[in-house]
Protein backbone atom coordinates (compact mmCIF):
# COMPACT_ATOMS: atom_id res chain seq x y z
CA UNK A 1 124.37 101.56 152.87
CA UNK A 2 123.41 98.67 150.54
CA UNK A 3 124.82 98.39 147.02
CA UNK A 4 121.32 99.10 145.68
CA UNK A 5 121.09 102.29 147.74
CA UNK A 6 124.52 103.41 146.57
CA UNK A 7 123.53 102.70 142.96
CA UNK A 8 120.35 104.75 143.29
CA UNK A 9 122.26 107.51 145.09
CA UNK A 10 124.69 107.80 142.20
CA UNK A 11 121.88 107.58 139.65
CA UNK A 12 120.02 110.45 141.33
CA UNK A 13 123.02 112.76 141.01
CA UNK A 14 123.77 111.74 137.42
CA UNK A 15 120.19 112.15 136.21
CA UNK A 16 119.87 115.45 138.06
CA UNK A 17 123.08 116.67 136.44
CA UNK A 18 121.81 115.68 132.99
CA UNK A 19 118.57 117.54 133.63
CA UNK A 20 120.48 120.75 134.43
CA UNK A 21 121.41 121.31 130.78
CA UNK A 22 117.97 122.75 130.00
CA UNK A 23 117.69 125.35 132.79
CA UNK A 24 121.36 126.27 132.53
CA UNK A 25 120.88 127.07 128.85
CA UNK A 26 117.90 129.28 129.70
CA UNK A 27 118.98 130.98 132.90
CA UNK A 28 122.76 131.39 132.72
CA UNK A 29 122.71 133.99 129.97
CA UNK A 30 119.76 136.03 131.30
CA UNK A 31 121.94 138.55 133.20
CA UNK A 32 123.97 139.20 130.03
CA UNK A 33 121.10 139.47 127.51
CA UNK A 34 121.31 143.24 127.25
CA UNK A 35 125.09 143.18 126.78
CA UNK A 36 124.89 140.39 124.20
CA UNK A 37 122.29 142.43 122.31
CA UNK A 38 124.56 145.50 122.36
CA UNK A 39 127.52 143.42 121.16
CA UNK A 40 125.55 141.85 118.29
CA UNK A 41 123.56 145.01 117.42
CA UNK A 42 120.28 143.33 118.38
CA UNK A 43 117.24 144.92 120.00
CA UNK A 44 115.83 143.52 123.29
CA UNK A 45 112.93 141.96 121.34
CA UNK A 46 115.37 140.31 118.92
CA UNK A 47 117.42 138.99 121.85
CA UNK A 48 114.24 137.50 123.28
CA UNK A 49 114.20 135.26 120.20
CA UNK A 50 117.44 133.65 121.43
CA UNK A 51 115.31 132.18 124.20
CA UNK A 52 112.30 131.45 121.99
CA UNK A 53 114.38 129.66 119.32
CA UNK A 54 116.05 127.56 122.01
CA UNK A 55 112.72 126.57 123.55
CA UNK A 56 111.11 125.80 120.18
CA UNK A 57 113.97 123.49 119.14
CA UNK A 58 114.07 122.03 122.65
CA UNK A 59 110.39 121.13 122.39
CA UNK A 60 110.62 119.86 118.80
CA UNK A 61 113.45 117.43 119.56
CA UNK A 62 111.73 116.24 122.73
CA UNK A 63 109.38 114.37 120.40
CA UNK A 64 112.30 112.25 119.29
CA UNK A 65 114.59 111.82 122.31
CA UNK A 66 112.29 109.37 124.08
CA UNK A 67 111.21 107.48 120.97
CA UNK A 68 114.79 107.07 119.76
CA UNK A 69 115.75 105.83 123.23
CA UNK A 70 112.87 103.33 123.09
CA UNK A 71 114.45 101.99 119.89
CA UNK A 72 118.24 102.17 120.40
CA UNK A 73 118.54 102.38 124.19
CA UNK A 74 118.87 105.19 126.70
CA UNK A 75 122.66 105.43 126.89
CA UNK A 76 123.47 106.23 123.21
CA UNK A 77 120.95 109.08 123.15
CA UNK A 78 122.42 110.67 126.26
CA UNK A 79 126.01 110.36 125.02
CA UNK A 80 125.35 111.89 121.58
CA UNK A 81 123.28 114.79 122.88
CA UNK A 82 125.67 115.81 125.66
CA UNK A 83 128.58 115.87 123.21
CA UNK A 84 126.64 117.90 120.62
CA UNK A 85 125.45 120.30 123.32
CA UNK A 86 129.06 121.05 124.26
CA UNK A 87 129.96 121.74 120.62
CA UNK A 88 126.86 123.94 120.12
CA UNK A 89 127.79 125.96 123.21
CA UNK A 90 131.23 126.63 121.76
CA UNK A 91 129.48 127.83 118.60
CA UNK A 92 127.44 130.29 120.68
CA UNK A 93 130.62 131.58 122.33
CA UNK A 94 132.20 132.23 118.91
CA UNK A 95 129.11 133.92 117.43
CA UNK A 96 129.68 137.35 115.90
CA UNK A 97 126.12 137.98 114.68
CA UNK A 98 122.59 137.42 115.93
CA UNK A 99 121.92 134.92 113.11
CA UNK A 100 124.91 132.82 114.12
CA UNK A 101 123.90 132.94 117.77
CA UNK A 102 120.34 131.86 116.94
CA UNK A 103 121.66 128.98 114.83
CA UNK A 104 123.76 127.55 117.64
CA UNK A 105 121.08 128.30 120.25
CA UNK A 106 118.77 126.18 118.12
CA UNK A 107 121.32 123.35 118.13
CA UNK A 108 121.61 123.69 121.90
CA UNK A 109 117.84 123.33 122.11
CA UNK A 110 117.85 120.20 119.93
CA UNK A 111 120.18 118.55 122.46
CA UNK A 112 119.18 120.15 125.76
CA UNK A 113 116.07 118.11 126.57
CA UNK A 114 117.51 114.61 126.22
CA UNK A 115 118.72 114.30 129.81
CA UNK A 116 115.33 115.22 131.24
CA UNK A 117 113.24 113.06 128.87
CA UNK A 118 115.46 109.99 128.87
CA UNK A 119 116.15 110.37 132.60
CA UNK A 120 112.46 109.99 133.44
CA UNK A 121 112.30 106.85 131.29
CA UNK A 122 115.38 105.45 133.06
CA UNK A 123 113.70 105.94 136.43
CA UNK A 124 110.61 104.00 135.31
CA UNK A 125 112.81 101.32 133.71
CA UNK A 126 114.40 100.62 137.08
CA UNK A 127 111.71 101.33 139.68
CA UNK A 128 107.95 101.13 140.19
CA UNK A 129 105.27 102.87 142.25
CA UNK A 130 106.28 104.84 145.33
CA UNK A 131 109.97 103.97 144.81
CA UNK A 132 109.88 105.59 141.36
CA UNK A 133 108.08 108.65 142.77
CA UNK A 134 110.70 109.02 145.51
CA UNK A 135 113.57 108.78 143.03
CA UNK A 136 111.91 111.25 140.67
CA UNK A 137 111.36 113.62 143.61
CA UNK A 138 115.02 113.32 144.62
CA UNK A 139 116.12 114.08 141.06
CA UNK A 140 113.77 117.09 141.03
CA UNK A 141 115.24 118.38 144.31
CA UNK A 142 118.78 118.33 142.96
CA UNK A 143 117.84 119.43 139.45
CA UNK A 144 115.94 122.41 140.86
CA UNK A 145 119.14 123.90 142.24
CA UNK A 146 120.25 124.77 138.73
CA UNK A 147 117.74 127.61 138.06
CA UNK A 148 118.98 129.32 141.23
CA UNK A 149 122.65 128.72 140.54
CA UNK A 150 122.59 129.41 136.79
CA UNK A 151 121.80 133.17 136.79
CA UNK A 152 124.24 133.72 139.66
CA UNK A 153 126.98 131.88 137.78
CA UNK A 154 126.03 133.74 134.61
CA UNK A 155 126.16 137.11 136.35
CA UNK A 156 129.56 136.33 137.89
CA UNK A 157 131.05 135.07 134.61
CA UNK A 158 129.66 138.05 132.71
CA UNK A 159 131.06 140.52 135.22
CA UNK A 160 134.47 138.83 135.35
CA UNK A 161 135.11 137.63 131.79
CA UNK A 162 132.38 138.94 129.49
CA UNK A 163 129.37 137.24 127.93
CA UNK A 164 131.38 134.78 125.79
CA UNK A 165 132.54 133.02 128.95
CA UNK A 166 128.95 132.03 129.76
CA UNK A 167 128.76 129.81 126.69
CA UNK A 168 132.26 128.45 127.27
CA UNK A 169 131.03 127.39 130.71
CA UNK A 170 127.99 125.68 129.14
CA UNK A 171 130.35 123.81 126.80
CA UNK A 172 132.41 122.57 129.74
CA UNK A 173 129.21 121.37 131.43
CA UNK A 174 128.22 119.43 128.29
CA UNK A 175 131.63 117.80 127.87
CA UNK A 176 131.82 116.92 131.58
CA UNK A 177 128.42 115.24 131.46
CA UNK A 178 129.46 113.30 128.36
CA UNK A 179 132.48 111.94 130.26
CA UNK A 180 130.42 111.08 133.35
CA UNK A 181 127.83 109.21 131.30
CA UNK A 182 130.47 107.40 129.26
CA UNK A 183 131.95 105.92 132.42
CA UNK A 184 128.99 105.89 134.81
CA UNK A 185 125.67 105.36 132.99
CA UNK A 186 124.53 101.80 132.38
CA UNK A 187 121.88 100.86 129.84
CA UNK A 188 118.47 100.33 131.48
CA UNK A 189 116.30 99.51 128.44
CA UNK A 190 116.57 95.81 127.54
CA UNK A 191 116.97 94.80 123.88
CA UNK A 192 113.82 92.67 123.93
CA UNK A 193 111.74 95.66 125.08
CA UNK A 194 112.87 98.01 122.32
CA UNK A 195 110.58 99.42 119.64
CA UNK A 196 111.37 99.51 115.90
CA UNK A 197 112.89 102.82 114.75
CA UNK A 198 110.60 103.29 111.76
CA UNK A 199 108.72 106.46 110.87
CA UNK A 200 105.37 104.70 110.48
CA UNK A 201 105.80 102.87 113.77
CA UNK A 202 106.85 106.06 115.59
CA UNK A 203 103.89 108.00 114.24
CA UNK A 204 101.58 105.17 115.29
CA UNK A 205 103.06 105.30 118.81
CA UNK A 206 102.63 109.09 118.99
CA UNK A 207 99.05 108.82 117.84
CA UNK A 208 98.34 106.03 120.32
CA UNK A 209 99.54 108.24 123.16
CA UNK A 210 98.29 111.63 121.94
CA UNK A 211 94.72 110.54 121.22
CA UNK A 212 94.11 109.33 124.76
CA UNK A 213 92.02 111.91 126.59
CA UNK A 214 93.60 111.17 129.98
CA UNK A 215 97.04 111.92 128.54
CA UNK A 216 95.77 115.17 127.02
CA UNK A 217 94.23 116.39 130.27
CA UNK A 218 97.15 115.45 132.53
CA UNK A 219 99.74 116.87 130.15
CA UNK A 220 97.80 120.13 129.83
CA UNK A 221 97.43 120.32 133.63
CA UNK A 222 101.14 119.97 134.40
CA UNK A 223 102.06 122.27 131.48
CA UNK A 224 99.76 125.11 132.58
CA UNK A 225 100.88 124.68 136.20
CA UNK A 226 104.50 125.10 135.15
CA UNK A 227 103.69 128.02 132.83
CA UNK A 228 102.26 129.95 135.78
CA UNK A 229 105.78 130.06 137.21
CA UNK A 230 107.79 129.99 133.98
CA UNK A 231 106.15 133.28 132.96
CA UNK A 232 108.53 134.96 135.42
CA UNK A 233 111.67 133.37 133.94
CA UNK A 234 111.81 135.24 130.58
CA UNK A 235 110.39 138.26 132.41
CA UNK A 236 113.17 138.16 135.04
CA UNK A 237 115.40 140.90 133.55
CA UNK A 238 112.47 143.36 133.48
CA UNK A 239 110.86 142.16 136.72
CA UNK A 240 114.10 142.38 138.70
CA UNK A 241 115.92 145.29 137.06
CA UNK A 242 113.00 147.64 136.33
CA UNK A 243 110.31 146.75 138.86
CA UNK A 244 112.61 145.84 141.77
CA UNK A 245 115.62 147.99 140.71
CA UNK A 246 118.17 145.19 141.15
CA UNK A 247 121.40 144.57 139.25
CA UNK A 248 122.57 141.76 136.91
CA UNK A 249 124.28 139.94 139.78
CA UNK A 250 121.15 139.94 141.99
CA UNK A 251 118.96 137.46 140.10
CA UNK A 252 119.17 135.14 143.09
CA UNK A 253 116.51 137.30 144.77
CA UNK A 254 113.93 135.75 142.46
CA UNK A 255 115.41 132.39 141.56
CA UNK A 256 116.51 131.58 145.11
CA UNK A 257 113.01 131.57 146.67
CA UNK A 258 111.44 129.98 143.58
CA UNK A 259 113.97 127.14 143.51
CA UNK A 260 113.75 126.66 147.27
CA UNK A 261 110.05 126.09 146.74
CA UNK A 262 110.72 123.53 143.99
CA UNK A 263 113.12 121.65 146.25
CA UNK A 264 110.80 121.73 149.25
CA UNK A 265 107.83 120.59 147.15
CA UNK A 266 109.87 117.72 145.72
CA UNK A 267 110.98 116.77 149.24
CA UNK A 268 107.37 116.75 150.43
CA UNK A 269 106.35 114.65 147.44
CA UNK A 270 109.00 112.05 148.24
CA UNK A 271 108.06 111.98 151.94
CA UNK A 272 104.35 111.65 151.18
CA UNK A 273 104.80 108.89 148.59
CA UNK A 274 103.36 105.65 149.92
CA UNK A 275 101.56 107.45 152.77
CA UNK A 276 99.06 109.42 150.70
CA UNK A 277 97.43 108.63 147.38
CA UNK A 278 98.59 110.44 144.25
CA UNK A 279 95.22 112.20 144.11
CA UNK A 280 95.64 113.55 147.65
CA UNK A 281 99.18 114.74 146.96
CA UNK A 282 98.14 116.56 143.79
CA UNK A 283 95.19 118.18 145.57
CA UNK A 284 97.47 119.56 148.28
CA UNK A 285 99.75 120.91 145.57
CA UNK A 286 96.88 122.83 144.00
CA UNK A 287 95.83 124.30 147.36
CA UNK A 288 99.34 125.74 147.73
CA UNK A 289 99.44 127.08 144.17
CA UNK A 290 96.07 128.82 144.52
CA UNK A 291 97.10 130.35 147.85
CA UNK A 292 100.30 131.64 146.24
CA UNK A 293 98.52 133.08 143.19
CA UNK A 294 95.99 134.83 145.44
CA UNK A 295 98.75 136.32 147.62
CA UNK A 296 100.68 137.45 144.57
CA UNK A 297 97.64 139.14 143.05
CA UNK A 298 96.62 140.74 146.36
CA UNK A 299 100.09 142.14 146.98
CA UNK A 300 100.34 143.64 143.51
CA UNK A 301 96.92 145.23 143.87
CA UNK A 302 97.73 146.71 147.28
CA UNK A 303 101.37 147.80 146.89
CA UNK A 304 102.17 151.15 145.35
CA UNK A 305 105.76 150.01 144.78
CA UNK A 306 107.21 146.48 144.85
CA UNK A 307 109.59 145.61 147.66
CA UNK A 308 111.66 142.62 148.71
CA UNK A 309 111.01 140.00 149.94
CA UNK A 310 107.23 140.31 149.53
CA UNK A 311 107.33 140.51 145.75
CA UNK A 312 109.07 137.13 145.42
CA UNK A 313 107.75 135.08 148.36
CA UNK A 314 104.54 134.07 146.51
CA UNK A 315 106.76 132.47 143.85
CA UNK A 316 108.30 130.24 146.52
CA UNK A 317 104.86 129.10 147.69
CA UNK A 318 103.68 128.56 144.10
CA UNK A 319 106.68 126.44 143.12
CA UNK A 320 106.29 124.39 146.31
CA UNK A 321 102.79 123.40 145.23
CA UNK A 322 103.83 122.93 141.61
CA UNK A 323 106.70 120.63 142.58
CA UNK A 324 104.54 118.73 145.05
CA UNK A 325 101.98 117.88 142.35
CA UNK A 326 104.27 117.29 139.35
CA UNK A 327 105.91 113.90 140.24
CA UNK A 328 102.56 112.24 140.91
CA UNK A 329 101.09 113.53 137.64
CA UNK A 330 104.20 112.46 135.71
CA UNK A 331 104.17 108.94 137.17
CA UNK A 332 100.48 108.69 136.30
CA UNK A 333 101.26 109.66 132.71
CA UNK A 334 104.05 107.09 132.42
CA UNK A 335 101.95 104.28 133.83
CA UNK A 336 99.33 104.64 131.11
CA UNK A 337 101.76 103.23 128.51
CA UNK A 338 104.33 100.91 130.20
CA UNK A 339 105.94 99.88 126.88
CA UNK A 340 106.16 103.46 125.55
CA UNK A 341 107.56 105.40 128.50
CA UNK A 342 110.13 107.18 126.37
CA UNK A 343 107.46 108.22 123.88
CA UNK A 344 105.15 109.42 126.67
CA UNK A 345 107.98 111.39 128.25
CA UNK A 346 108.86 112.93 124.89
CA UNK A 347 105.32 113.94 124.02
CA UNK A 348 104.61 115.34 127.47
CA UNK A 349 107.89 117.29 127.41
CA UNK A 350 107.12 118.57 123.91
CA UNK A 351 103.71 119.89 124.91
CA UNK A 352 105.03 121.53 128.08
CA UNK A 353 107.98 123.16 126.33
CA UNK A 354 105.88 124.39 123.40
CA UNK A 355 103.62 126.13 125.88
CA UNK A 356 106.71 127.57 127.61
CA UNK A 357 107.96 128.77 124.21
CA UNK A 358 104.63 130.52 123.63
CA UNK A 359 104.86 132.08 127.09
CA UNK A 360 108.42 133.29 126.47
CA UNK A 361 107.83 134.59 122.96
CA UNK A 362 104.32 136.07 123.20
CA UNK A 363 102.80 136.23 126.67
CA UNK A 364 105.82 137.43 128.71
CA UNK A 365 106.53 140.48 126.47
CA UNK A 366 102.87 141.47 126.82
CA UNK A 367 102.87 141.06 130.59
CA UNK A 368 106.27 142.11 131.91
CA UNK A 369 105.66 145.87 131.65
CA UNK A 370 103.45 145.55 134.76
CA UNK A 371 103.92 143.31 137.77
CA UNK A 372 100.12 143.24 138.15
CA UNK A 373 99.79 141.82 134.65
CA UNK A 374 102.30 139.11 135.54
CA UNK A 375 100.24 138.21 138.61
CA UNK A 376 97.01 138.11 136.58
CA UNK A 377 98.57 135.85 133.96
CA UNK A 378 99.84 133.53 136.70
CA UNK A 379 96.26 133.20 137.99
CA UNK A 380 94.87 132.54 134.53
CA UNK A 381 97.42 129.86 133.69
CA UNK A 382 96.86 128.15 137.04
CA UNK A 383 93.08 128.14 136.55
CA UNK A 384 93.56 126.51 133.14
CA UNK A 385 95.79 123.83 134.70
CA UNK A 386 93.28 123.18 137.47
CA UNK A 387 90.42 122.92 134.96
CA UNK A 388 92.32 120.24 133.04
CA UNK A 389 93.05 118.33 136.23
CA UNK A 390 89.39 118.49 137.26
CA UNK A 391 88.42 117.24 133.79
CA UNK A 392 90.64 114.21 134.41
CA UNK A 393 89.15 113.64 137.88
CA UNK A 394 85.59 113.79 136.48
CA UNK A 395 86.53 111.16 133.89
CA UNK A 396 87.91 108.91 136.62
CA UNK A 397 84.74 109.28 138.68
CA UNK A 398 82.61 108.45 135.64
CA UNK A 399 84.67 105.29 135.14
CA UNK A 400 84.42 104.43 138.86
CA UNK A 401 88.15 104.83 139.58
C-alpha cells in the first residue's frame, strides 16, 4: 500500500469517528429516555425537547463551524469542539433537573456538528472529483455504523449501570477524539486560502451562498430525502416499543437494517463514482427511495398488525437510495463555491439539521401514534425532496448543462 493510500485510509477512519459524535448524541440515550424522564420528573413530551434542543443548537452552530474553519483552519475547530463536547457530556451525566440536562444538551449540540461539517471540507481540501466522492462514500460507510451501534450501546449501558453512564460514555468518546486529533490530524487549509473572520465578511459569504438558487434546490432535496428516514429516529421508542412490542435493548431491529442500507448505498456510490455521472447515480438513488416508500405504505395499509422483519425492511431500501444519492449531491454543492467549502458545508448542514429539528419536535409527535401516518409522512417528505431535485434538473436543462 502506498503512503498516500495509508494516509487516506487513516483519514477515512478519523473523519468517520469525528462524524459519529452527532448520531451518538441522538441515538445512545433513546433507550433510556423514559427512565431519564422518570428520574427528572419530566413528561415524555418534555423529554422529547432534550432531542429538539440538541438538534436546534447543532444546526445553529453548524453555520459557524465551517466559516470559522475557513478563517482559522480546520484543526483548531475540531480540537476545541471535541474537548467541549466531552465536558458537556459530563454535565449531562451530573444533571439533577430537566433544565440542567437541556442546558448541557444544548452545549453538546453546539459542538456535535463540527466533525461532520469540517470533515467534508477537509475531504474537498485534499481531493477532487471521483476521488473526493469515493473518500466521502467511505467516510459515510464507517460513520453510518454509529446509528446502529449507538442505541445498542445505550441500551446495554442503561441496563448495566443506569442512564448516567450513557453520558459518561459520550464524554469518553469526546475526550478520545480530542486526543486522536491532537496527534493525528494535520491542517489541510492553507494560510493563503483562508477567509477573514469578520462578521460583515461572514454574512456576505452566507448571502453569496444562500441566494444561489441551485444551492437552495440541492440543499432542500438532500434535506427532505434525509427527513424521510430521520422521521423514524425520534419515533423509534414508540415505533419499536408500542407498535412492534420490543424492549429497550432491541433497538437494533430498526437501526440495524437502516444503517446497513446507508452503508450499502455509500458503497455503491463509491463503486459507481467515475463510471456513471452524478446525475445517473442520483437518479438511481431516487428510484430506490420511491420503491421503499411505496413498499412501506403498502405494507402498513395491508397489515392488521406490524411484524418483523417486514416493518423495517423498507427502511433499509430507503436508506440505500438516500445514501447512494447524497455524496453526489454534496460534492455538487461544494463545487459551486471552491473557496467557501466550509461555509457551504455549514449552511447545508444547518438547513438539513433545522429540518430534522422540526421533524423531531413537531412532525414525529404527530405521526408516531400510527405506523401508517409515519409511512405517509415518509412519502410526503420524499416527494418534496424529489420536486426540489427536479427543479434543479430543469434549471440545468434550461442552461444547456
